[in-house]
C-alpha atoms as a PDB file:
ATOM      1  CA  MET A   1       0.000   0.000   0.000  1.00  0.00           C
ATOM      2  CA  ALA A   2       1.492   3.331  -1.067  1.00  0.00           C
ATOM      3  CA  LYS A   3       2.300   5.919   1.651  1.00  0.00           C
ATOM      4  CA  GLN A   4       0.387   9.166   1.393  1.00  0.00           C
ATOM      5  CA  GLY A   5       2.437  12.368   1.839  1.00  0.00           C
ATOM      6  CA  PHE A   6       1.396  15.950   2.397  1.00  0.00           C
ATOM      7  CA  THR A   7      -0.506  17.636  -0.389  1.00  0.00           C
ATOM      8  CA  LEU A   8       0.681  20.976  -1.763  1.00  0.00           C
ATOM      9  CA  LEU A   9      -2.218  22.660   0.020  1.00  0.00           C
ATOM     10  CA  GLU A  10      -1.239  21.126   3.350  1.00  0.00           C
ATOM     11  CA  LEU A  11       2.400  22.121   2.879  1.00  0.00           C
ATOM     12  CA  SER A  12       1.322  25.656   2.022  1.00  0.00           C
ATOM     13  CA  ILE A  13      -0.754  25.886   5.202  1.00  0.00           C
ATOM     14  CA  VAL A  14       2.190  24.653   7.293  1.00  0.00           C
ATOM     15  CA  LEU A  15       4.522  27.221   5.717  1.00  0.00           C
ATOM     16  CA  VAL A  16       2.002  29.997   6.333  1.00  0.00           C
ATOM     17  CA  ILE A  17       1.715  28.993  10.002  1.00  0.00           C
ATOM     18  CA  ILE A  18       5.519  28.913  10.366  1.00  0.00           C
ATOM     19  CA  GLY A  19       5.733  32.336   8.724  1.00  0.00           C
ATOM     20  CA  LEU A  20       3.127  33.750  11.093  1.00  0.00           C
ATOM     21  CA  LEU A  21       4.964  32.347  14.095  1.00  0.00           C
ATOM     22  CA  ILE A  22       8.290  33.821  12.981  1.00  0.00           C
ATOM     23  CA  GLY A  23       6.648  37.162  12.211  1.00  0.00           C
ATOM     24  CA  GLY A  24       4.989  37.159  15.619  1.00  0.00           C
ATOM     25  CA  ILE A  25       8.336  36.598  17.305  1.00  0.00           C
ATOM     26  CA  PHE A  26       9.898  39.553  15.513  1.00  0.00           C
ATOM     27  CA  VAL A  27       6.905  41.780  16.274  1.00  0.00           C
ATOM     28  CA  GLY A  28       7.058  40.732  19.918  1.00  0.00           C
ATOM     29  CA  GLN A  29      10.756  41.518  20.123  1.00  0.00           C
ATOM     30  CA  SER A  30      10.156  44.932  18.565  1.00  0.00           C
ATOM     31  CA  LEU A  31       7.390  45.714  21.064  1.00  0.00           C
ATOM     32  CA  ILE A  32       9.593  44.660  23.976  1.00  0.00           C
ATOM     33  CA  HIS A  33      12.451  46.847  22.736  1.00  0.00           C
ATOM     34  CA  THR A  34      10.147  49.836  22.299  1.00  0.00           C
ATOM     35  CA  ALA A  35       8.915  49.345  25.859  1.00  0.00           C
ATOM     36  CA  GLN A  36      12.523  49.296  27.098  1.00  0.00           C
ATOM     37  CA  LEU A  37      13.250  52.601  25.351  1.00  0.00           C
ATOM     38  CA  ASN A  38      10.095  54.191  26.761  1.00  0.00           C
ATOM     39  CA  ALA A  39      11.014  52.889  30.214  1.00  0.00           C
ATOM     40  CA  VAL A  40      14.173  55.019  30.238  1.00  0.00           C
ATOM     41  CA  ILE A  41      12.096  58.181  29.917  1.00  0.00           C
ATOM     42  CA  SER A  42       9.597  56.964  32.512  1.00  0.00           C
ATOM     43  CA  GLU A  43      12.409  56.188  34.940  1.00  0.00           C
ATOM     44  CA  PHE A  44      13.917  59.641  34.585  1.00  0.00           C
ATOM     45  CA  ASN A  45      10.534  61.295  35.158  1.00  0.00           C
ATOM     46  CA  ARG A  46       9.984  59.086  38.208  1.00  0.00           C
ATOM     47  CA  TYR A  47      13.296  60.158  39.753  1.00  0.00           C
ATOM     48  CA  GLN A  48      12.593  63.812  39.025  1.00  0.00           C
ATOM     49  CA  THR A  49       9.250  63.540  40.798  1.00  0.00           C
ATOM     50  CA  ALA A  50      10.789  61.587  43.689  1.00  0.00           C
ATOM     51  CA  VAL A  51      13.356  64.332  44.320  1.00  0.00           C
ATOM     52  CA  GLN A  52      10.715  67.059  44.306  1.00  0.00           C
ATOM     53  CA  ASN A  53       8.549  65.089  46.739  1.00  0.00           C
ATOM     54  CA  PHE A  54      11.559  64.459  48.976  1.00  0.00           C
ATOM     55  CA  LYS A  55      12.437  68.155  49.046  1.00  0.00           C
ATOM     56  CA  GLN A  56       8.897  69.064  50.035  1.00  0.00           C
ATOM     57  CA  GLN A  57       8.814  66.512  52.835  1.00  0.00           C
ATOM     58  CA  TYR A  58      12.346  66.898  54.251  1.00  0.00           C
ATOM     59  CA  GLN A  59      13.302  70.411  53.135  1.00  0.00           C
ATOM     60  CA  ALA A  60      16.580  69.143  51.664  1.00  0.00           C
ATOM     61  CA  LEU A  61      17.986  67.284  48.695  1.00  0.00           C
ATOM     62  CA  PRO A  62      18.361  63.534  49.197  1.00  0.00           C
ATOM     63  CA  GLY A  63      22.037  62.811  49.811  1.00  0.00           C
ATOM     64  CA  ASP A  64      22.703  66.397  50.852  1.00  0.00           C
ATOM     65  CA  MET A  65      20.294  66.185  53.792  1.00  0.00           C
ATOM     66  CA  PRO A  66      22.166  67.418  56.905  1.00  0.00           C
ATOM     67  CA  ASN A  67      19.962  65.572  59.420  1.00  0.00           C
ATOM     68  CA  ALA A  68      19.367  62.267  57.641  1.00  0.00           C
ATOM     69  CA  GLY A  69      20.711  60.245  60.566  1.00  0.00           C
ATOM     70  CA  GLN A  70      18.092  61.718  62.864  1.00  0.00           C
ATOM     71  CA  PHE A  71      15.420  60.044  60.737  1.00  0.00           C
ATOM     72  CA  TRP A  72      17.093  56.750  59.842  1.00  0.00           C
ATOM     73  CA  GLY A  73      20.046  56.320  62.227  1.00  0.00           C
ATOM     74  CA  TYR A  74      23.774  56.454  61.505  1.00  0.00           C
ATOM     75  CA  VAL A  75      25.747  53.618  59.986  1.00  0.00           C
ATOM     76  CA  ASN A  76      28.646  54.900  62.097  1.00  0.00           C
ATOM     77  CA  ALA A  77      28.728  57.658  64.706  1.00  0.00           C
ATOM     78  CA  THR A  78      31.991  59.140  63.363  1.00  0.00           C
ATOM     79  CA  PRO A  79      31.280  61.183  60.197  1.00  0.00           C
ATOM     80  CA  ALA A  80      34.579  60.332  58.458  1.00  0.00           C
ATOM     81  CA  THR A  81      34.020  56.621  59.076  1.00  0.00           C
ATOM     82  CA  CYS A  82      30.316  56.804  58.284  1.00  0.00           C
ATOM     83  CA  ARG A  83      31.173  58.315  54.920  1.00  0.00           C
ATOM     84  CA  ILE A  84      32.967  55.176  53.689  1.00  0.00           C
ATOM     85  CA  THR A  85      30.844  52.537  55.444  1.00  0.00           C
ATOM     86  CA  ALA A  86      28.297  50.582  53.404  1.00  0.00           C
ATOM     87  CA  SER A  87      24.765  50.456  54.734  1.00  0.00           C
ATOM     88  CA  THR A  88      22.887  47.161  54.888  1.00  0.00           C
ATOM     89  CA  THR A  89      19.827  48.768  56.494  1.00  0.00           C
ATOM     90  CA  THR A  90      18.304  52.238  56.356  1.00  0.00           C
ATOM     91  CA  ALA A  91      21.126  53.519  58.610  1.00  0.00           C
ATOM     92  CA  THR A  92      22.863  56.309  56.709  1.00  0.00           C
ATOM     93  CA  CYS A  93      25.062  59.426  56.914  1.00  0.00           C
ATOM     94  CA  ASP A  94      24.342  63.159  56.846  1.00  0.00           C
ATOM     95  CA  GLY A  95      25.091  65.393  53.915  1.00  0.00           C
ATOM     96  CA  ASN A  96      26.451  68.882  54.447  1.00  0.00           C
ATOM     97  CA  GLY A  97      23.355  70.772  53.298  1.00  0.00           C
ATOM     98  CA  ASP A  98      25.119  73.015  50.798  1.00  0.00           C
ATOM     99  CA  GLY A  99      22.687  72.214  47.965  1.00  0.00           C
ATOM    100  CA  THR A 100      25.214  70.293  45.863  1.00  0.00           C
ATOM    101  CA  LEU A 101      25.422  66.519  45.722  1.00  0.00           C
ATOM    102  CA  ASN A 102      29.061  65.535  45.755  1.00  0.00           C
ATOM    103  CA  ASP A 103      31.781  63.986  47.904  1.00  0.00           C
ATOM    104  CA  ASN A 104      31.985  66.642  50.593  1.00  0.00           C
ATOM    105  CA  GLY A 105      35.014  64.984  52.154  1.00  0.00           C
ATOM    106  CA  THR A 106      33.819  64.525  55.728  1.00  0.00           C
ATOM    107  CA  SER A 107      30.181  63.483  56.062  1.00  0.00           C
ATOM    108  CA  SER A 108      29.050  61.322  53.144  1.00  0.00           C
ATOM    109  CA  LEU A 109      29.402  60.419  49.492  1.00  0.00           C
ATOM    110  CA  GLU A 110      26.337  62.447  48.655  1.00  0.00           C
ATOM    111  CA  HIS A 111      25.958  61.265  45.057  1.00  0.00           C
ATOM    112  CA  PHE A 112      25.622  57.688  46.363  1.00  0.00           C
ATOM    113  CA  ARG A 113      23.654  58.503  49.555  1.00  0.00           C
ATOM    114  CA  PHE A 114      21.223  60.296  47.220  1.00  0.00           C
ATOM    115  CA  TRP A 115      19.735  56.948  46.170  1.00  0.00           C
ATOM    116  CA  GLN A 116      19.738  55.577  49.713  1.00  0.00           C
ATOM    117  CA  HIS A 117      17.879  58.584  51.093  1.00  0.00           C
ATOM    118  CA  LEU A 118      15.244  58.361  48.342  1.00  0.00           C
ATOM    119  CA  ALA A 119      14.775  54.657  49.064  1.00  0.00           C
ATOM    120  CA  ASN A 120      14.672  55.234  52.834  1.00  0.00           C
ATOM    121  CA  ALA A 121      11.887  57.757  52.296  1.00  0.00           C
ATOM    122  CA  LYS A 122       9.990  55.231  50.134  1.00  0.00           C
ATOM    123  CA  MET A 123      10.227  57.602  47.194  1.00  0.00           C
ATOM    124  CA  ILE A 124      11.853  54.912  45.021  1.00  0.00           C
ATOM    125  CA  GLU A 125      12.129  51.138  45.223  1.00  0.00           C
ATOM    126  CA  GLY A 126      15.232  49.294  46.398  1.00  0.00           C
ATOM    127  CA  GLN A 127      17.853  49.457  49.117  1.00  0.00           C
ATOM    128  CA  TYR A 128      21.232  51.049  48.467  1.00  0.00           C
ATOM    129  CA  THR A 129      24.578  50.978  50.262  1.00  0.00           C
ATOM    130  CA  GLY A 130      25.421  54.674  49.954  1.00  0.00           C
ATOM    131  CA  ILE A 131      29.033  54.105  48.863  1.00  0.00           C
ATOM    132  CA  GLY A 132      30.943  52.922  45.788  1.00  0.00           C
ATOM    133  CA  THR A 133      31.404  49.296  44.776  1.00  0.00           C
ATOM    134  CA  PHE A 134      34.881  49.567  43.205  1.00  0.00           C
ATOM    135  CA  THR A 135      36.301  51.578  46.064  1.00  0.00           C
ATOM    136  CA  ALA A 136      34.291  53.279  48.788  1.00  0.00           C
ATOM    137  CA  THR A 137      34.288  56.445  46.681  1.00  0.00           C
ATOM    138  CA  SER A 138      33.745  55.058  43.162  1.00  0.00           C
ATOM    139  CA  GLY A 139      32.214  52.306  41.072  1.00  0.00           C
ATOM    140  CA  THR A 140      28.566  51.555  40.342  1.00  0.00           C
ATOM    141  CA  THR A 141      26.600  48.301  40.495  1.00  0.00           C
ATOM    142  CA  ALA A 142      22.951  48.222  39.487  1.00  0.00           C
ATOM    143  CA  GLY A 143      20.682  47.376  42.383  1.00  0.00           C
ATOM    144  CA  VAL A 144      23.491  47.737  44.947  1.00  0.00           C
ATOM    145  CA  ASN A 145      24.406  51.410  45.112  1.00  0.00           C
ATOM    146  CA  VAL A 146      22.486  52.773  42.104  1.00  0.00           C
ATOM    147  CA  PRO A 147      19.137  51.772  40.554  1.00  0.00           C
ATOM    148  CA  ALA A 148      18.908  49.363  37.653  1.00  0.00           C
ATOM    149  CA  SER A 149      17.130  50.365  34.455  1.00  0.00           C
ATOM    150  CA  LYS A 150      14.619  48.272  32.533  1.00  0.00           C
ATOM    151  CA  TYR A 151      16.840  48.846  29.503  1.00  0.00           C
ATOM    152  CA  PRO A 152      19.049  45.717  29.461  1.00  0.00           C
ATOM    153  CA  ASN A 153      22.267  46.084  31.503  1.00  0.00           C
ATOM    154  CA  GLY A 154      21.435  49.708  32.271  1.00  0.00           C
ATOM    155  CA  ALA A 155      21.764  51.661  35.514  1.00  0.00           C
ATOM    156  CA  TRP A 156      21.261  55.221  36.751  1.00  0.00           C
ATOM    157  CA  GLY A 157      23.624  57.594  38.484  1.00  0.00           C
ATOM    158  CA  LEU A 158      23.933  61.213  39.518  1.00  0.00           C
ATOM    159  CA  ALA A 159      26.581  63.924  39.264  1.00  0.00           C
ATOM    160  CA  PRO A 160      26.843  67.698  39.799  1.00  0.00           C
ATOM    161  CA  SER A 161      26.520  69.648  36.558  1.00  0.00           C
ATOM    162  CA  ALA A 162      29.784  71.406  37.339  1.00  0.00           C
ATOM    163  CA  SER A 163      31.671  68.124  36.944  1.00  0.00           C
ATOM    164  CA  LEU A 164      30.721  67.925  33.245  1.00  0.00           C
ATOM    165  CA  GLY A 165      31.279  70.002  30.162  1.00  0.00           C
ATOM    166  CA  GLY A 166      34.018  69.703  27.581  1.00  0.00           C
ATOM    167  CA  SER A 167      35.752  66.615  28.928  1.00  0.00           C
ATOM    168  CA  GLY A 168      37.083  63.897  26.669  1.00  0.00           C
ATOM    169  CA  SER A 169      33.701  62.160  26.617  1.00  0.00           C
ATOM    170  CA  THR A 170      31.188  65.013  26.924  1.00  0.00           C
ATOM    171  CA  PHE A 171      30.156  67.786  24.571  1.00  0.00           C
ATOM    172  CA  ALA A 172      31.333  71.308  25.379  1.00  0.00           C
ATOM    173  CA  THR A 173      27.819  72.552  26.011  1.00  0.00           C
ATOM    174  CA  ASP A 174      25.574  73.878  28.784  1.00  0.00           C
ATOM    175  CA  TYR A 175      24.841  71.367  31.575  1.00  0.00           C
ATOM    176  CA  GLY A 176      23.022  73.822  33.799  1.00  0.00           C
ATOM    177  CA  THR A 177      23.880  74.741  37.370  1.00  0.00           C
ATOM    178  CA  GLY A 178      22.355  71.848  39.287  1.00  0.00           C
ATOM    179  CA  HIS A 179      22.724  68.124  38.735  1.00  0.00           C
ATOM    180  CA  VAL A 180      22.398  65.547  35.990  1.00  0.00           C
ATOM    181  CA  LEU A 181      21.164  61.984  35.927  1.00  0.00           C
ATOM    182  CA  GLU A 182      23.051  59.616  33.680  1.00  0.00           C
ATOM    183  CA  THR A 183      21.970  56.258  32.360  1.00  0.00           C
ATOM    184  CA  GLY A 184      24.608  53.849  31.109  1.00  0.00           C
ATOM    185  CA  ALA A 185      26.220  50.517  31.828  1.00  0.00           C
ATOM    186  CA  GLN A 186      27.459  49.945  35.377  1.00  0.00           C
ATOM    187  CA  GLU A 187      31.200  50.331  35.800  1.00  0.00           C
ATOM    188  CA  SER A 188      33.685  48.872  38.244  1.00  0.00           C
ATOM    189  CA  ASN A 189      36.130  51.749  37.967  1.00  0.00           C
ATOM    190  CA  ALA A 190      36.763  55.270  39.193  1.00  0.00           C
ATOM    191  CA  HIS A 191      33.504  56.715  37.860  1.00  0.00           C
ATOM    192  CA  ILE A 192      30.857  57.920  40.289  1.00  0.00           C
ATOM    193  CA  TRP A 193      28.043  57.233  37.808  1.00  0.00           C
ATOM    194  CA  PRO A 194      27.364  54.382  35.336  1.00  0.00           C
ATOM    195  CA  ALA A 195      29.055  55.855  32.274  1.00  0.00           C
ATOM    196  CA  GLY A 196      29.722  52.603  30.429  1.00  0.00           C
ATOM    197  CA  ALA A 197      28.607  52.308  26.794  1.00  0.00           C
ATOM    198  CA  LEU A 198      24.991  51.101  26.762  1.00  0.00           C
ATOM    199  CA  TYR A 199      23.091  52.543  23.793  1.00  0.00           C
ATOM    200  CA  ASN A 200      23.741  52.275  20.087  1.00  0.00           C
ATOM    201  CA  GLY A 201      23.266  55.367  17.940  1.00  0.00           C
ATOM    202  CA  LYS A 202      19.700  54.548  16.922  1.00  0.00           C
ATOM    203  CA  ASP A 203      18.478  53.834  20.447  1.00  0.00           C
ATOM    204  CA  ALA A 204      20.168  56.949  21.838  1.00  0.00           C
ATOM    205  CA  TRP A 205      18.541  59.030  19.101  1.00  0.00           C
ATOM    206  CA  SER A 206      15.149  57.413  19.755  1.00  0.00           C
ATOM    207  CA  ILE A 207      15.223  58.283  23.462  1.00  0.00           C
ATOM    208  CA  ASP A 208      16.534  61.793  22.795  1.00  0.00           C
ATOM    209  CA  LYS A 209      13.916  62.440  20.103  1.00  0.00           C
ATOM    210  CA  LYS A 210      11.005  61.233  22.244  1.00  0.00           C
ATOM    211  CA  PHE A 211      12.044  63.246  25.281  1.00  0.00           C
ATOM    212  CA  ASP A 212      13.952  66.197  23.826  1.00  0.00           C
ATOM    213  CA  ASP A 213      15.249  67.504  20.501  1.00  0.00           C
ATOM    214  CA  GLY A 214      17.085  64.502  19.027  1.00  0.00           C
ATOM    215  CA  LYS A 215      20.392  66.409  19.042  1.00  0.00           C
ATOM    216  CA  PRO A 216      23.256  64.754  20.967  1.00  0.00           C
ATOM    217  CA  GLY A 217      25.054  67.990  21.906  1.00  0.00           C
ATOM    218  CA  LEU A 218      22.095  70.256  22.657  1.00  0.00           C
ATOM    219  CA  GLY A 219      19.015  70.325  24.854  1.00  0.00           C
ATOM    220  CA  ASN A 220      18.161  68.374  27.964  1.00  0.00           C
ATOM    221  CA  VAL A 221      19.395  64.958  26.794  1.00  0.00           C
ATOM    222  CA  LEU A 222      23.096  64.819  25.946  1.00  0.00           C
ATOM    223  CA  VAL A 223      25.562  62.114  24.976  1.00  0.00           C
ATOM    224  CA  TYR A 224      28.415  60.779  27.051  1.00  0.00           C
ATOM    225  CA  GLY A 225      30.906  59.107  24.709  1.00  0.00           C
ATOM    226  CA  TRP A 226      30.101  61.399  21.770  1.00  0.00           C
ATOM    227  CA  ALA A 227      32.881  60.097  19.509  1.00  0.00           C
ATOM    228  CA  ALA A 228      31.357  56.612  19.322  1.00  0.00           C
ATOM    229  CA  CYS A 229      27.719  57.252  18.415  1.00  0.00           C
ATOM    230  CA  THR A 230      27.649  60.677  16.719  1.00  0.00           C
ATOM    231  CA  ASN A 231      29.271  62.178  13.649  1.00  0.00           C
ATOM    232  CA  ALA A 232      30.884  65.005  15.635  1.00  0.00           C
ATOM    233  CA  ALA A 233      34.461  65.817  14.670  1.00  0.00           C
ATOM    234  CA  THR A 234      35.148  67.415  18.076  1.00  0.00           C
ATOM    235  CA  ASN A 235      33.198  67.826  21.289  1.00  0.00           C
ATOM    236  CA  ALA A 236      32.581  71.449  20.287  1.00  0.00           C
ATOM    237  CA  ASP A 237      30.512  70.348  17.269  1.00  0.00           C
ATOM    238  CA  LEU A 238      27.050  70.980  18.689  1.00  0.00           C
ATOM    239  CA  THR A 239      25.407  70.541  15.272  1.00  0.00           C
ATOM    240  CA  ALA A 240      26.353  66.864  15.295  1.00  0.00           C
ATOM    241  CA  THR A 241      23.788  64.123  14.733  1.00  0.00           C
ATOM    242  CA  TYR A 242      23.533  60.567  15.950  1.00  0.00           C
ATOM    243  CA  THR A 243      25.125  57.879  13.799  1.00  0.00           C
ATOM    244  CA  LEU A 244      22.096  55.653  13.265  1.00  0.00           C
ATOM    245  CA  THR A 245      24.087  52.891  11.591  1.00  0.00           C
ATOM    246  CA  VAL A 246      26.027  52.159  14.792  1.00  0.00           C
ATOM    247  CA  THR A 247      24.537  48.904  16.076  1.00  0.00           C
ATOM    248  CA  SER A 248      26.819  48.153  19.029  1.00  0.00           C
ATOM    249  CA  ALA A 249      26.613  49.643  22.516  1.00  0.00           C
ATOM    250  CA  SER A 250      28.653  52.815  22.162  1.00  0.00           C
ATOM    251  CA  CYS A 251      27.488  55.636  24.441  1.00  0.00           C
ATOM    252  CA  SER A 252      25.468  56.599  27.497  1.00  0.00           C
ATOM    253  CA  LEU A 253      22.991  59.428  28.037  1.00  0.00           C
ATOM    254  CA  ILE A 254      22.955  62.450  30.337  1.00  0.00           C
ATOM    255  CA  PHE A 255      19.625  63.993  31.431  1.00  0.00           C
ATOM    256  CA  LEU A 256      19.610  67.524  32.785  1.00  0.00           C
ATOM    257  CA  THR A 257      17.454  67.801  35.886  1.00  0.00           C
ATOM    258  CA  GLY A 258      15.456  70.519  37.568  1.00  0.00           C
ATOM    259  CA  PHE A 259      17.340  70.323  40.865  1.00  0.00           C
END
């Protein structure tokens, strides 16, 4: 008795089903990636709101708060020791109350305690150590001393605006007079924020365009690592555009804040 194989119609139906499945996978991946890009903007807005709410409640910037220990206890009674001691609870250190989040040298590493104070106040999720992960004063690890991003391998950090502007990796442009939030890959090195290459040119442009002006050297979203994902010849080239053909992780993003 002869074996009966698939008819051409049956084979066609199978191929159509396979095609639909493959197409669905690609569509799903595209939707997930779009959600990850949108999440970066949502995260920044959430942190902006958290800081404003914190200031209203505690009359100070998180991290810079000069009486933080009175609310949450001190990780160490000696300010110089407290400054470099990791917290495993809400116990923390005071800032110096000067309105700038930095390493003030005696009380705390304010740019790291910033995240701990926000978390202690239930303004953001997580629990943070308040110090660096490479040395006490540097290095970032997502979920340990800085928040993780929903963008794969991403993290958030903070720096004073005065520490930026015209360096080897930043555009020579206006960073304001307050602070910036940066989103990039976590780094086990001397950086105080996650400045590792995270975004390719197209993704960086997409985030910038949705939130700001789509220009890497102007506006409220700026590039860190300009040489890798823009066509700028120098960091003074503020008319530069993103290189959309760059497909590898090549730069991180700086968001100007309102505080």
